[in-house]
Amino acid sequence: GHEFRTPITSMLLLVEKLNKRFDKM
């Protein structure tokens, strides 16, 4: 649980960034 939290948090940030460009996909 501890080791997964860091990469999951990073992936959530990346998902949020990509989500801003969702309409251009």
mmCIF file of all heavy atoms, coordinates in Angstrom:
data_MODEL
# 
_entry.id   MODEL 
# 
loop_
_atom_site.group_PDB 
_atom_site.id 
_atom_site.type_symbol 
_atom_site.label_atom_id 
_atom_site.label_alt_id 
_atom_site.label_comp_id 
_atom_site.label_asym_id 
_atom_site.label_entity_id 
_atom_site.label_seq_id 
_atom_site.pdbx_PDB_ins_code 
_atom_site.Cartn_x 
_atom_site.Cartn_y 
_atom_site.Cartn_z 
_atom_site.occupancy 
_atom_site.B_iso_or_equiv 
_atom_site.pdbx_formal_charge 
_atom_site.auth_seq_id 
_atom_site.auth_comp_id 
_atom_site.auth_asym_id 
_atom_site.auth_atom_id 
_atom_site.pdbx_PDB_model_num 
ATOM 1   N N   . GLY A 1 1  ? 0.817   -1.209 0.000   1.00 0.00 ? 1  GLY A N   1 
ATOM 2   C CA  . GLY A 1 1  ? 0.000   0.000  0.000   1.00 0.00 ? 1  GLY A CA  1 
ATOM 3   C C   . GLY A 1 1  ? 0.849   1.257  0.000   1.00 0.00 ? 1  GLY A C   1 
ATOM 4   O O   . GLY A 1 1  ? 0.552   2.239  -0.693  1.00 0.00 ? 1  GLY A O   1 
ATOM 5   N N   . HIS A 1 2  ? 1.939   1.214  0.782   1.00 0.00 ? 2  HIS A N   1 
ATOM 6   C CA  . HIS A 1 2  ? 2.814   2.381  0.856   1.00 0.00 ? 2  HIS A CA  1 
ATOM 7   C C   . HIS A 1 2  ? 3.559   2.602  -0.458  1.00 0.00 ? 2  HIS A C   1 
ATOM 8   O O   . HIS A 1 2  ? 3.690   3.733  -0.954  1.00 0.00 ? 2  HIS A O   1 
ATOM 9   C CB  . HIS A 1 2  ? 3.805   2.196  2.007   1.00 0.00 ? 2  HIS A CB  1 
ATOM 10  C CG  . HIS A 1 2  ? 4.754   3.352  2.172   1.00 0.00 ? 2  HIS A CG  1 
ATOM 11  N ND1 . HIS A 1 2  ? 5.979   3.394  1.538   1.00 0.00 ? 2  HIS A ND1 1 
ATOM 12  C CD2 . HIS A 1 2  ? 4.642   4.515  2.861   1.00 0.00 ? 2  HIS A CD2 1 
ATOM 13  C CE1 . HIS A 1 2  ? 6.593   4.520  1.851   1.00 0.00 ? 2  HIS A CE1 1 
ATOM 14  N NE2 . HIS A 1 2  ? 5.805   5.216  2.655   1.00 0.00 ? 2  HIS A NE2 1 
ATOM 15  N N   . GLU A 1 3  ? 4.083   1.516  -1.039  1.00 0.00 ? 3  GLU A N   1 
ATOM 16  C CA  . GLU A 1 3  ? 4.867   1.640  -2.257  1.00 0.00 ? 3  GLU A CA  1 
ATOM 17  C C   . GLU A 1 3  ? 4.005   2.004  -3.463  1.00 0.00 ? 3  GLU A C   1 
ATOM 18  O O   . GLU A 1 3  ? 4.468   2.649  -4.397  1.00 0.00 ? 3  GLU A O   1 
ATOM 19  C CB  . GLU A 1 3  ? 5.610   0.327  -2.532  1.00 0.00 ? 3  GLU A CB  1 
ATOM 20  C CG  . GLU A 1 3  ? 6.676   0.002  -1.501  1.00 0.00 ? 3  GLU A CG  1 
ATOM 21  C CD  . GLU A 1 3  ? 7.742   1.083  -1.419  1.00 0.00 ? 3  GLU A CD  1 
ATOM 22  O OE1 . GLU A 1 3  ? 8.165   1.594  -2.479  1.00 0.00 ? 3  GLU A OE1 1 
ATOM 23  O OE2 . GLU A 1 3  ? 8.138   1.444  -0.293  1.00 0.00 ? 3  GLU A OE2 1 
ATOM 24  N N   . PHE A 1 4  ? 2.740   1.584  -3.442  1.00 0.00 ? 4  PHE A N   1 
ATOM 25  C CA  . PHE A 1 4  ? 1.854   1.897  -4.564  1.00 0.00 ? 4  PHE A CA  1 
ATOM 26  C C   . PHE A 1 4  ? 1.400   3.354  -4.547  1.00 0.00 ? 4  PHE A C   1 
ATOM 27  O O   . PHE A 1 4  ? 1.067   3.927  -5.588  1.00 0.00 ? 4  PHE A O   1 
ATOM 28  C CB  . PHE A 1 4  ? 0.612   1.002  -4.549  1.00 0.00 ? 4  PHE A CB  1 
ATOM 29  C CG  . PHE A 1 4  ? 0.853   -0.360 -5.152  1.00 0.00 ? 4  PHE A CG  1 
ATOM 30  C CD1 . PHE A 1 4  ? 0.091   -1.458 -4.756  1.00 0.00 ? 4  PHE A CD1 1 
ATOM 31  C CD2 . PHE A 1 4  ? 1.831   -0.542 -6.109  1.00 0.00 ? 4  PHE A CD2 1 
ATOM 32  C CE1 . PHE A 1 4  ? 0.315   -2.703 -5.311  1.00 0.00 ? 4  PHE A CE1 1 
ATOM 33  C CE2 . PHE A 1 4  ? 2.056   -1.784 -6.666  1.00 0.00 ? 4  PHE A CE2 1 
ATOM 34  C CZ  . PHE A 1 4  ? 1.297   -2.877 -6.262  1.00 0.00 ? 4  PHE A CZ  1 
ATOM 35  N N   . ARG A 1 5  ? 1.342   3.964  -3.380  1.00 0.00 ? 5  ARG A N   1 
ATOM 36  C CA  . ARG A 1 5  ? 0.775   5.314  -3.274  1.00 0.00 ? 5  ARG A CA  1 
ATOM 37  C C   . ARG A 1 5  ? 1.550   6.330  -4.122  1.00 0.00 ? 5  ARG A C   1 
ATOM 38  O O   . ARG A 1 5  ? 0.952   7.187  -4.792  1.00 0.00 ? 5  ARG A O   1 
ATOM 39  C CB  . ARG A 1 5  ? 0.750   5.770  -1.814  1.00 0.00 ? 5  ARG A CB  1 
ATOM 40  C CG  . ARG A 1 5  ? -0.329  5.119  -0.989  1.00 0.00 ? 5  ARG A CG  1 
ATOM 41  C CD  . ARG A 1 5  ? -0.213  5.576  0.448   1.00 0.00 ? 5  ARG A CD  1 
ATOM 42  N NE  . ARG A 1 5  ? -0.527  6.994  0.532   1.00 0.00 ? 5  ARG A NE  1 
ATOM 43  C CZ  . ARG A 1 5  ? -1.685  7.472  0.992   1.00 0.00 ? 5  ARG A CZ  1 
ATOM 44  N NH1 . ARG A 1 5  ? -2.611  6.629  1.391   1.00 0.00 ? 5  ARG A NH1 1 
ATOM 45  N NH2 . ARG A 1 5  ? -1.908  8.758  1.060   1.00 0.00 ? 5  ARG A NH2 1 
ATOM 46  N N   . THR A 1 6  ? 2.886   6.238  -4.097  1.00 0.00 ? 6  THR A N   1 
ATOM 47  C CA  . THR A 1 6  ? 3.698   7.228  -4.826  1.00 0.00 ? 6  THR A CA  1 
ATOM 48  C C   . THR A 1 6  ? 3.490   7.145  -6.335  1.00 0.00 ? 6  THR A C   1 
ATOM 49  O O   . THR A 1 6  ? 3.163   8.160  -6.981  1.00 0.00 ? 6  THR A O   1 
ATOM 50  C CB  . THR A 1 6  ? 5.190   7.063  -4.460  1.00 0.00 ? 6  THR A CB  1 
ATOM 51  O OG1 . THR A 1 6  ? 5.335   7.218  -3.053  1.00 0.00 ? 6  THR A OG1 1 
ATOM 52  C CG2 . THR A 1 6  ? 6.032   8.084  -5.192  1.00 0.00 ? 6  THR A CG2 1 
ATOM 53  N N   . PRO A 1 7  ? 3.643   5.960  -6.964  1.00 0.00 ? 7  PRO A N   1 
ATOM 54  C CA  . PRO A 1 7  ? 3.399   5.914  -8.414  1.00 0.00 ? 7  PRO A CA  1 
ATOM 55  C C   . PRO A 1 7  ? 1.958   6.198  -8.789  1.00 0.00 ? 7  PRO A C   1 
ATOM 56  O O   . PRO A 1 7  ? 1.692   6.784  -9.847  1.00 0.00 ? 7  PRO A O   1 
ATOM 57  C CB  . PRO A 1 7  ? 3.802   4.483  -8.800  1.00 0.00 ? 7  PRO A CB  1 
ATOM 58  C CG  . PRO A 1 7  ? 3.785   3.714  -7.539  1.00 0.00 ? 7  PRO A CG  1 
ATOM 59  C CD  . PRO A 1 7  ? 4.130   4.666  -6.454  1.00 0.00 ? 7  PRO A CD  1 
ATOM 60  N N   . ILE A 1 8  ? 1.013   5.817  -7.938  1.00 0.00 ? 8  ILE A N   1 
ATOM 61  C CA  . ILE A 1 8  ? -0.395  6.093  -8.253  1.00 0.00 ? 8  ILE A CA  1 
ATOM 62  C C   . ILE A 1 8  ? -0.647  7.589  -8.232  1.00 0.00 ? 8  ILE A C   1 
ATOM 63  O O   . ILE A 1 8  ? -1.353  8.136  -9.096  1.00 0.00 ? 8  ILE A O   1 
ATOM 64  C CB  . ILE A 1 8  ? -1.318  5.360  -7.251  1.00 0.00 ? 8  ILE A CB  1 
ATOM 65  C CG1 . ILE A 1 8  ? -1.297  3.854  -7.530  1.00 0.00 ? 8  ILE A CG1 1 
ATOM 66  C CG2 . ILE A 1 8  ? -2.744  5.892  -7.344  1.00 0.00 ? 8  ILE A CG2 1 
ATOM 67  C CD1 . ILE A 1 8  ? -2.046  3.032  -6.513  1.00 0.00 ? 8  ILE A CD1 1 
ATOM 68  N N   . THR A 1 9  ? -0.066  8.275  -7.247  1.00 0.00 ? 9  THR A N   1 
ATOM 69  C CA  . THR A 1 9  ? -0.213  9.734  -7.180  1.00 0.00 ? 9  THR A CA  1 
ATOM 70  C C   . THR A 1 9  ? 0.365   10.395 -8.431  1.00 0.00 ? 9  THR A C   1 
ATOM 71  O O   . THR A 1 9  ? -0.232  11.320 -9.009  1.00 0.00 ? 9  THR A O   1 
ATOM 72  C CB  . THR A 1 9  ? 0.487   10.279 -5.929  1.00 0.00 ? 9  THR A CB  1 
ATOM 73  O OG1 . THR A 1 9  ? -0.058  9.648  -4.763  1.00 0.00 ? 9  THR A OG1 1 
ATOM 74  C CG2 . THR A 1 9  ? 0.288   11.789 -5.815  1.00 0.00 ? 9  THR A CG2 1 
ATOM 75  N N   . SER A 1 10 ? 1.523   9.899  -8.863  1.00 0.00 ? 10 SER A N   1 
ATOM 76  C CA  . SER A 1 10 ? 2.140   10.436 -10.080 1.00 0.00 ? 10 SER A CA  1 
ATOM 77  C C   . SER A 1 10 ? 1.254   10.195 -11.295 1.00 0.00 ? 10 SER A C   1 
ATOM 78  O O   . SER A 1 10 ? 1.077   11.085 -12.154 1.00 0.00 ? 10 SER A O   1 
ATOM 79  C CB  . SER A 1 10 ? 3.519   9.793  -10.298 1.00 0.00 ? 10 SER A CB  1 
ATOM 80  O OG  . SER A 1 10 ? 4.380   10.065 -9.203  1.00 0.00 ? 10 SER A OG  1 
ATOM 81  N N   . MET A 1 11 ? 0.703   8.997  -11.391 1.00 0.00 ? 11 MET A N   1 
ATOM 82  C CA  . MET A 1 11 ? -0.167  8.688  -12.534 1.00 0.00 ? 11 MET A CA  1 
ATOM 83  C C   . MET A 1 11 ? -1.428  9.545  -12.515 1.00 0.00 ? 11 MET A C   1 
ATOM 84  O O   . MET A 1 11 ? -1.921  9.968  -13.570 1.00 0.00 ? 11 MET A O   1 
ATOM 85  C CB  . MET A 1 11 ? -0.537  7.204  -12.514 1.00 0.00 ? 11 MET A CB  1 
ATOM 86  C CG  . MET A 1 11 ? 0.604   6.295  -12.967 1.00 0.00 ? 11 MET A CG  1 
ATOM 87  S SD  . MET A 1 11 ? 0.080   4.582  -13.216 1.00 0.00 ? 11 MET A SD  1 
ATOM 88  C CE  . MET A 1 11 ? -0.192  4.065  -11.528 1.00 0.00 ? 11 MET A CE  1 
ATOM 89  N N   . LEU A 1 12 ? -1.980  9.816  -11.310 1.00 0.00 ? 12 LEU A N   1 
ATOM 90  C CA  . LEU A 1 12 ? -3.165  10.672 -11.224 1.00 0.00 ? 12 LEU A CA  1 
ATOM 91  C C   . LEU A 1 12 ? -2.858  12.076 -11.713 1.00 0.00 ? 12 LEU A C   1 
ATOM 92  O O   . LEU A 1 12 ? -3.684  12.720 -12.395 1.00 0.00 ? 12 LEU A O   1 
ATOM 93  C CB  . LEU A 1 12 ? -3.676  10.711 -9.776  1.00 0.00 ? 12 LEU A CB  1 
ATOM 94  C CG  . LEU A 1 12 ? -4.374  9.449  -9.270  1.00 0.00 ? 12 LEU A CG  1 
ATOM 95  C CD1 . LEU A 1 12 ? -4.655  9.550  -7.781  1.00 0.00 ? 12 LEU A CD1 1 
ATOM 96  C CD2 . LEU A 1 12 ? -5.681  9.238  -10.023 1.00 0.00 ? 12 LEU A CD2 1 
ATOM 97  N N   . LEU A 1 13 ? -1.669  12.580 -11.381 1.00 0.00 ? 13 LEU A N   1 
ATOM 98  C CA  . LEU A 1 13 ? -1.276  13.906 -11.859 1.00 0.00 ? 13 LEU A CA  1 
ATOM 99  C C   . LEU A 1 13 ? -1.153  13.930 -13.383 1.00 0.00 ? 13 LEU A C   1 
ATOM 100 O O   . LEU A 1 13 ? -1.583  14.878 -14.054 1.00 0.00 ? 13 LEU A O   1 
ATOM 101 C CB  . LEU A 1 13 ? 0.048   14.326 -11.206 1.00 0.00 ? 13 LEU A CB  1 
ATOM 102 C CG  . LEU A 1 13 ? -0.001  14.590 -9.696  1.00 0.00 ? 13 LEU A CG  1 
ATOM 103 C CD1 . LEU A 1 13 ? 1.393   14.848 -9.150  1.00 0.00 ? 13 LEU A CD1 1 
ATOM 104 C CD2 . LEU A 1 13 ? -0.917  15.787 -9.384  1.00 0.00 ? 13 LEU A CD2 1 
ATOM 105 N N   . LEU A 1 14 ? -0.572  12.853 -13.930 1.00 0.00 ? 14 LEU A N   1 
ATOM 106 C CA  . LEU A 1 14 ? -0.441  12.759 -15.375 1.00 0.00 ? 14 LEU A CA  1 
ATOM 107 C C   . LEU A 1 14 ? -1.805  12.665 -16.044 1.00 0.00 ? 14 LEU A C   1 
ATOM 108 O O   . LEU A 1 14 ? -2.045  13.264 -17.110 1.00 0.00 ? 14 LEU A O   1 
ATOM 109 C CB  . LEU A 1 14 ? 0.413   11.545 -15.744 1.00 0.00 ? 14 LEU A CB  1 
ATOM 110 C CG  . LEU A 1 14 ? 1.896   11.617 -15.332 1.00 0.00 ? 14 LEU A CG  1 
ATOM 111 C CD1 . LEU A 1 14 ? 2.598   10.289 -15.622 1.00 0.00 ? 14 LEU A CD1 1 
ATOM 112 C CD2 . LEU A 1 14 ? 2.605   12.760 -16.078 1.00 0.00 ? 14 LEU A CD2 1 
ATOM 113 N N   . VAL A 1 15 ? -2.721  11.892 -15.421 1.00 0.00 ? 15 VAL A N   1 
ATOM 114 C CA  . VAL A 1 15 ? -4.070  11.766 -15.972 1.00 0.00 ? 15 VAL A CA  1 
ATOM 115 C C   . VAL A 1 15 ? -4.765  13.117 -15.979 1.00 0.00 ? 15 VAL A C   1 
ATOM 116 O O   . VAL A 1 15 ? -5.469  13.484 -16.941 1.00 0.00 ? 15 VAL A O   1 
ATOM 117 C CB  . VAL A 1 15 ? -4.877  10.725 -15.162 1.00 0.00 ? 15 VAL A CB  1 
ATOM 118 C CG1 . VAL A 1 15 ? -6.367  10.825 -15.498 1.00 0.00 ? 15 VAL A CG1 1 
ATOM 119 C CG2 . VAL A 1 15 ? -4.375  9.319  -15.443 1.00 0.00 ? 15 VAL A CG2 1 
ATOM 120 N N   . GLU A 1 16 ? -4.579  13.892 -14.904 1.00 0.00 ? 16 GLU A N   1 
ATOM 121 C CA  . GLU A 1 16 ? -5.198  15.215 -14.837 1.00 0.00 ? 16 GLU A CA  1 
ATOM 122 C C   . GLU A 1 16 ? -4.646  16.132 -15.933 1.00 0.00 ? 16 GLU A C   1 
ATOM 123 O O   . GLU A 1 16 ? -5.382  16.908 -16.561 1.00 0.00 ? 16 GLU A O   1 
ATOM 124 C CB  . GLU A 1 16 ? -4.965  15.830 -13.454 1.00 0.00 ? 16 GLU A CB  1 
ATOM 125 C CG  . GLU A 1 16 ? -5.755  15.180 -12.337 1.00 0.00 ? 16 GLU A CG  1 
ATOM 126 C CD  . GLU A 1 16 ? -7.247  15.330 -12.566 1.00 0.00 ? 16 GLU A CD  1 
ATOM 127 O OE1 . GLU A 1 16 ? -7.695  16.378 -13.102 1.00 0.00 ? 16 GLU A OE1 1 
ATOM 128 O OE2 . GLU A 1 16 ? -7.985  14.381 -12.236 1.00 0.00 ? 16 GLU A OE2 1 
ATOM 129 N N   . LYS A 1 17 ? -3.332  16.058 -16.194 1.00 0.00 ? 17 LYS A N   1 
ATOM 130 C CA  . LYS A 1 17 ? -2.734  16.878 -17.259 1.00 0.00 ? 17 LYS A CA  1 
ATOM 131 C C   . LYS A 1 17 ? -3.281  16.487 -18.623 1.00 0.00 ? 17 LYS A C   1 
ATOM 132 O O   . LYS A 1 17 ? -3.618  17.339 -19.459 1.00 0.00 ? 17 LYS A O   1 
ATOM 133 C CB  . LYS A 1 17 ? -1.217  16.739 -17.238 1.00 0.00 ? 17 LYS A CB  1 
ATOM 134 C CG  . LYS A 1 17 ? -0.555  17.410 -16.045 1.00 0.00 ? 17 LYS A CG  1 
ATOM 135 C CD  . LYS A 1 17 ? 0.969   17.256 -16.112 1.00 0.00 ? 17 LYS A CD  1 
ATOM 136 C CE  . LYS A 1 17 ? 1.634   17.946 -14.926 1.00 0.00 ? 17 LYS A CE  1 
ATOM 137 N NZ  . LYS A 1 17 ? 3.121   17.812 -14.981 1.00 0.00 ? 17 LYS A NZ  1 
ATOM 138 N N   . LEU A 1 18 ? -3.355  15.176 -18.865 1.00 0.00 ? 18 LEU A N   1 
ATOM 139 C CA  . LEU A 1 18 ? -3.873  14.715 -20.148 1.00 0.00 ? 18 LEU A CA  1 
ATOM 140 C C   . LEU A 1 18 ? -5.348  15.043 -20.305 1.00 0.00 ? 18 LEU A C   1 
ATOM 141 O O   . LEU A 1 18 ? -5.836  15.265 -21.425 1.00 0.00 ? 18 LEU A O   1 
ATOM 142 C CB  . LEU A 1 18 ? -3.654  13.203 -20.280 1.00 0.00 ? 18 LEU A CB  1 
ATOM 143 C CG  . LEU A 1 18 ? -2.195  12.746 -20.424 1.00 0.00 ? 18 LEU A CG  1 
ATOM 144 C CD1 . LEU A 1 18 ? -2.113  11.222 -20.390 1.00 0.00 ? 18 LEU A CD1 1 
ATOM 145 C CD2 . LEU A 1 18 ? -1.595  13.269 -21.742 1.00 0.00 ? 18 LEU A CD2 1 
ATOM 146 N N   . ASN A 1 19 ? -6.062  15.049 -19.194 1.00 0.00 ? 19 ASN A N   1 
ATOM 147 C CA  . ASN A 1 19 ? -7.492  15.316 -19.241 1.00 0.00 ? 19 ASN A CA  1 
ATOM 148 C C   . ASN A 1 19 ? -7.777  16.736 -19.749 1.00 0.00 ? 19 ASN A C   1 
ATOM 149 O O   . ASN A 1 19 ? -8.825  16.996 -20.347 1.00 0.00 ? 19 ASN A O   1 
ATOM 150 C CB  . ASN A 1 19 ? -8.094  15.116 -17.850 1.00 0.00 ? 19 ASN A CB  1 
ATOM 151 C CG  . ASN A 1 19 ? -9.606  15.109 -17.897 1.00 0.00 ? 19 ASN A CG  1 
ATOM 152 O OD1 . ASN A 1 19 ? -10.214 14.560 -18.811 1.00 0.00 ? 19 ASN A OD1 1 
ATOM 153 N ND2 . ASN A 1 19 ? -10.222 15.732 -16.906 1.00 0.00 ? 19 ASN A ND2 1 
ATOM 154 N N   . LYS A 1 20 ? -6.849  17.650 -19.480 1.00 0.00 ? 20 LYS A N   1 
ATOM 155 C CA  . LYS A 1 20 ? -7.018  19.020 -19.973 1.00 0.00 ? 20 LYS A CA  1 
ATOM 156 C C   . LYS A 1 20 ? -6.966  19.091 -21.505 1.00 0.00 ? 20 LYS A C   1 
ATOM 157 O O   . LYS A 1 20 ? -7.460  20.043 -22.100 1.00 0.00 ? 20 LYS A O   1 
ATOM 158 C CB  . LYS A 1 20 ? -5.950  19.917 -19.366 1.00 0.00 ? 20 LYS A CB  1 
ATOM 159 C CG  . LYS A 1 20 ? -6.076  20.065 -17.846 1.00 0.00 ? 20 LYS A CG  1 
ATOM 160 C CD  . LYS A 1 20 ? -4.954  20.919 -17.280 1.00 0.00 ? 20 LYS A CD  1 
ATOM 161 C CE  . LYS A 1 20 ? -5.080  21.052 -15.765 1.00 0.00 ? 20 LYS A CE  1 
ATOM 162 N NZ  . LYS A 1 20 ? -3.986  21.874 -15.185 1.00 0.00 ? 20 LYS A NZ  1 
ATOM 163 N N   . ARG A 1 21 ? -6.329  18.090 -22.118 1.00 0.00 ? 21 ARG A N   1 
ATOM 164 C CA  . ARG A 1 21 ? -6.218  18.059 -23.586 1.00 0.00 ? 21 ARG A CA  1 
ATOM 165 C C   . ARG A 1 21 ? -7.136  16.992 -24.185 1.00 0.00 ? 21 ARG A C   1 
ATOM 166 O O   . ARG A 1 21 ? -6.902  16.508 -25.280 1.00 0.00 ? 21 ARG A O   1 
ATOM 167 C CB  . ARG A 1 21 ? -4.776  17.772 -23.987 1.00 0.00 ? 21 ARG A CB  1 
ATOM 168 C CG  . ARG A 1 21 ? -3.790  18.796 -23.438 1.00 0.00 ? 21 ARG A CG  1 
ATOM 169 C CD  . ARG A 1 21 ? -2.374  18.485 -23.882 1.00 0.00 ? 21 ARG A CD  1 
ATOM 170 N NE  . ARG A 1 21 ? -1.418  19.444 -23.357 1.00 0.00 ? 21 ARG A NE  1 
ATOM 171 C CZ  . ARG A 1 21 ? -0.103  19.415 -23.593 1.00 0.00 ? 21 ARG A CZ  1 
ATOM 172 N NH1 . ARG A 1 21 ? 0.391   18.440 -24.376 1.00 0.00 ? 21 ARG A NH1 1 
ATOM 173 N NH2 . ARG A 1 21 ? 0.701   20.312 -23.069 1.00 0.00 ? 21 ARG A NH2 1 
ATOM 174 N N   . PHE A 1 22 ? -8.122  16.594 -23.398 1.00 0.00 ? 22 PHE A N   1 
ATOM 175 C CA  . PHE A 1 22 ? -9.014  15.508 -23.827 1.00 0.00 ? 22 PHE A CA  1 
ATOM 176 C C   . PHE A 1 22 ? -9.718  15.846 -25.146 1.00 0.00 ? 22 PHE A C   1 
ATOM 177 O O   . PHE A 1 22 ? -9.874  14.991 -26.027 1.00 0.00 ? 22 PHE A O   1 
ATOM 178 C CB  . PHE A 1 22 ? -10.040 15.228 -22.725 1.00 0.00 ? 22 PHE A CB  1 
ATOM 179 C CG  . PHE A 1 22 ? -10.944 14.083 -23.018 1.00 0.00 ? 22 PHE A CG  1 
ATOM 180 C CD1 . PHE A 1 22 ? -10.515 12.773 -22.849 1.00 0.00 ? 22 PHE A CD1 1 
ATOM 181 C CD2 . PHE A 1 22 ? -12.237 14.301 -23.492 1.00 0.00 ? 22 PHE A CD2 1 
ATOM 182 C CE1 . PHE A 1 22 ? -11.358 11.723 -23.119 1.00 0.00 ? 22 PHE A CE1 1 
ATOM 183 C CE2 . PHE A 1 22 ? -13.070 13.242 -23.783 1.00 0.00 ? 22 PHE A CE2 1 
ATOM 184 C CZ  . PHE A 1 22 ? -12.630 11.940 -23.583 1.00 0.00 ? 22 PHE A CZ  1 
ATOM 185 N N   . ASP A 1 23 ? -10.161 17.094 -25.289 1.00 0.00 ? 23 ASP A N   1 
ATOM 186 C CA  . ASP A 1 23 ? -10.921 17.483 -26.483 1.00 0.00 ? 23 ASP A CA  1 
ATOM 187 C C   . ASP A 1 23 ? -10.074 17.425 -27.758 1.00 0.00 ? 23 ASP A C   1 
ATOM 188 O O   . ASP A 1 23 ? -10.608 17.316 -28.876 1.00 0.00 ? 23 ASP A O   1 
ATOM 189 C CB  . ASP A 1 23 ? -11.482 18.892 -26.313 1.00 0.00 ? 23 ASP A CB  1 
ATOM 190 C CG  . ASP A 1 23 ? -12.509 18.955 -25.202 1.00 0.00 ? 23 ASP A CG  1 
ATOM 191 O OD1 . ASP A 1 23 ? -13.086 17.886 -24.886 1.00 0.00 ? 23 ASP A OD1 1 
ATOM 192 O OD2 . ASP A 1 23 ? -12.720 20.045 -24.635 1.00 0.00 ? 23 ASP A OD2 1 
ATOM 193 N N   . LYS A 1 24 ? -8.740  17.498 -27.628 1.00 0.00 ? 24 LYS A N   1 
ATOM 194 C CA  . LYS A 1 24 ? -7.857  17.496 -28.777 1.00 0.00 ? 24 LYS A CA  1 
ATOM 195 C C   . LYS A 1 24 ? -7.461  16.081 -29.209 1.00 0.00 ? 24 LYS A C   1 
ATOM 196 O O   . LYS A 1 24 ? -6.772  15.915 -30.227 1.00 0.00 ? 24 LYS A O   1 
ATOM 197 C CB  . LYS A 1 24 ? -6.599  18.303 -28.466 1.00 0.00 ? 24 LYS A CB  1 
ATOM 198 C CG  . LYS A 1 24 ? -6.888  19.775 -28.165 1.00 0.00 ? 24 LYS A CG  1 
ATOM 199 C CD  . LYS A 1 24 ? -5.609  20.526 -27.841 1.00 0.00 ? 24 LYS A CD  1 
ATOM 200 C CE  . LYS A 1 24 ? -5.903  21.990 -27.516 1.00 0.00 ? 24 LYS A CE  1 
ATOM 201 N NZ  . LYS A 1 24 ? -4.670  22.757 -27.205 1.00 0.00 ? 24 LYS A NZ  1 
ATOM 202 N N   . MET A 1 25 ? -7.851  15.099 -28.428 1.00 0.00 ? 25 MET A N   1 
ATOM 203 C CA  . MET A 1 25 ? -7.483  13.709 -28.734 1.00 0.00 ? 25 MET A CA  1 
ATOM 204 C C   . MET A 1 25 ? -8.415  13.144 -29.795 1.00 0.00 ? 25 MET A C   1 
ATOM 205 O O   . MET A 1 25 ? -9.591  13.536 -29.902 1.00 0.00 ? 25 MET A O   1 
ATOM 206 C CB  . MET A 1 25 ? -7.564  12.835 -27.481 1.00 0.00 ? 25 MET A CB  1 
ATOM 207 C CG  . MET A 1 25 ? -6.604  13.238 -26.381 1.00 0.00 ? 25 MET A CG  1 
ATOM 208 S SD  . MET A 1 25 ? -6.807  12.144 -24.935 1.00 0.00 ? 25 MET A SD  1 
ATOM 209 C CE  . MET A 1 25 ? -5.716  12.932 -23.764 1.00 0.00 ? 25 MET A CE  1 
# 
